[in-house]
Amino acid sequence: AYRNGGTHYIQWPCAHVGIEDNADAPAAVEVYPNPAASMLNIKADRLKKVELMDMSGRRLATTAQPRLDLSRLPAGAYFVRVTTDGGTTVRRVVKK
């Protein structure tokens, strides 16, 4: 802890836990529409696997198809992990 004028500061170690949107991901991966009402399309070169995860990282669906049916899911935010021959990309999507 240290003091700066009238304010006391406490240094607290913390770690970042979660899945981040990959802003540096290859442009060859597209996930649309976003937000989506029912069907989510994935466009990627040499697609191997698509995984849908909730915000805690729990896997909800896995497919090798370029479409995910979101119609039975509640509205909210999810992650889509797209694996191709070129690597893995994670995108955040919103279900309306």
Protein backbone atom coordinates (compact mmCIF):
# COMPACT_ATOMS: atom_id res chain seq x y z
CA ALA A 1 0.00 0.00 0.00
CA TYR A 2 1.09 3.54 -0.58
CA ARG A 3 -0.35 7.01 -0.18
CA ASN A 4 -0.61 9.76 -2.78
CA GLY A 5 -1.90 12.95 -1.21
CA GLY A 6 -5.22 12.16 0.51
CA THR A 7 -5.73 8.91 -1.36
CA HIS A 8 -4.55 5.50 -0.18
CA TYR A 9 -3.70 2.93 -2.85
CA ILE A 10 -3.43 -0.80 -2.34
CA GLN A 11 -1.62 -2.86 -4.94
CA TRP A 12 -3.49 -6.08 -5.53
CA PRO A 13 -2.21 -8.86 -7.74
CA CYS A 14 -4.77 -10.13 -10.20
CA ALA A 15 -4.93 -12.34 -13.23
CA HIS A 16 -7.07 -12.01 -16.31
CA VAL A 17 -9.23 -15.06 -16.88
CA GLY A 18 -11.43 -15.53 -19.91
CA ILE A 19 -11.53 -15.68 -23.66
CA GLU A 20 -10.67 -12.55 -25.59
CA ASP A 21 -11.83 -11.52 -29.02
CA ASN A 22 -8.87 -12.09 -31.29
CA ALA A 23 -8.47 -8.73 -33.06
CA ASP A 24 -5.33 -9.98 -34.84
CA ALA A 25 -7.09 -13.06 -36.23
CA PRO A 26 -6.82 -13.76 -39.93
CA ALA A 27 -9.37 -11.91 -42.02
CA ALA A 28 -10.20 -15.23 -43.67
CA VAL A 29 -12.62 -16.00 -40.78
CA GLU A 30 -16.05 -14.35 -40.79
CA VAL A 31 -18.87 -15.00 -38.32
CA TYR A 32 -22.21 -13.41 -39.31
CA PRO A 33 -24.77 -12.03 -38.74
CA ASN A 34 -23.81 -10.55 -35.42
CA PRO A 35 -26.12 -10.15 -33.58
CA ALA A 36 -27.95 -13.28 -34.77
CA ALA A 37 -31.56 -14.34 -34.18
CA SER A 38 -31.36 -18.01 -35.10
CA MET A 39 -28.68 -19.13 -37.58
CA LEU A 40 -25.03 -18.11 -37.37
CA ASN A 41 -22.85 -18.50 -40.47
CA ILE A 42 -19.12 -19.14 -40.41
CA LYS A 43 -16.99 -18.40 -43.45
CA ALA A 44 -13.43 -19.70 -43.23
CA ASP A 45 -10.84 -21.21 -45.52
CA ARG A 46 -10.17 -24.89 -44.75
CA LEU A 47 -12.66 -25.08 -41.87
CA LYS A 48 -11.99 -27.94 -39.45
CA LYS A 49 -14.14 -27.30 -36.38
CA VAL A 50 -16.58 -24.75 -34.93
CA GLU A 51 -17.29 -24.62 -31.19
CA LEU A 52 -19.94 -22.56 -29.43
CA MET A 53 -19.23 -21.62 -25.82
CA ASP A 54 -21.04 -19.67 -23.14
CA MET A 55 -19.37 -16.78 -21.34
CA SER A 56 -17.85 -19.11 -18.75
CA GLY A 57 -16.13 -21.15 -21.49
CA ARG A 58 -18.46 -24.16 -21.27
CA ARG A 59 -18.78 -25.85 -24.67
CA LEU A 60 -22.41 -25.87 -25.86
CA ALA A 61 -21.97 -27.25 -29.39
CA THR A 62 -19.30 -28.58 -31.74
CA THR A 63 -19.59 -29.03 -35.49
CA ALA A 64 -17.57 -29.16 -38.68
CA GLN A 65 -20.36 -27.39 -40.56
CA PRO A 66 -20.24 -23.68 -41.45
CA ARG A 67 -23.56 -22.96 -39.64
CA LEU A 68 -24.71 -22.97 -36.03
CA ASP A 69 -28.36 -23.05 -34.94
CA LEU A 70 -28.78 -20.61 -32.07
CA SER A 71 -32.60 -20.69 -32.02
CA ARG A 72 -32.88 -22.73 -28.80
CA LEU A 73 -30.41 -20.61 -26.84
CA PRO A 74 -31.43 -17.70 -24.62
CA ALA A 75 -30.52 -14.20 -25.71
CA GLY A 76 -27.05 -13.18 -24.61
CA ALA A 77 -23.36 -13.21 -25.48
CA TYR A 78 -21.44 -16.30 -26.58
CA PHE A 79 -18.05 -17.21 -28.01
CA VAL A 80 -17.45 -19.04 -31.27
CA ARG A 81 -14.08 -20.75 -31.65
CA VAL A 82 -13.25 -21.47 -35.30
CA THR A 83 -10.43 -23.90 -36.05
CA THR A 84 -8.95 -24.02 -39.54
CA ASP A 85 -5.77 -25.40 -41.06
CA GLY A 86 -4.29 -21.96 -40.38
CA GLY A 87 -5.05 -21.85 -36.64
CA THR A 88 -7.82 -20.97 -34.20
CA THR A 89 -9.87 -17.78 -33.99
CA VAL A 90 -12.33 -16.78 -31.27
CA ARG A 91 -15.19 -14.40 -31.97
CA ARG A 92 -17.75 -12.96 -29.56
CA VAL A 93 -21.31 -13.16 -30.86
CA VAL A 94 -24.64 -11.94 -29.56
CA LYS A 95 -27.85 -13.98 -29.77
CA LYS A 96 -30.93 -11.73 -30.00
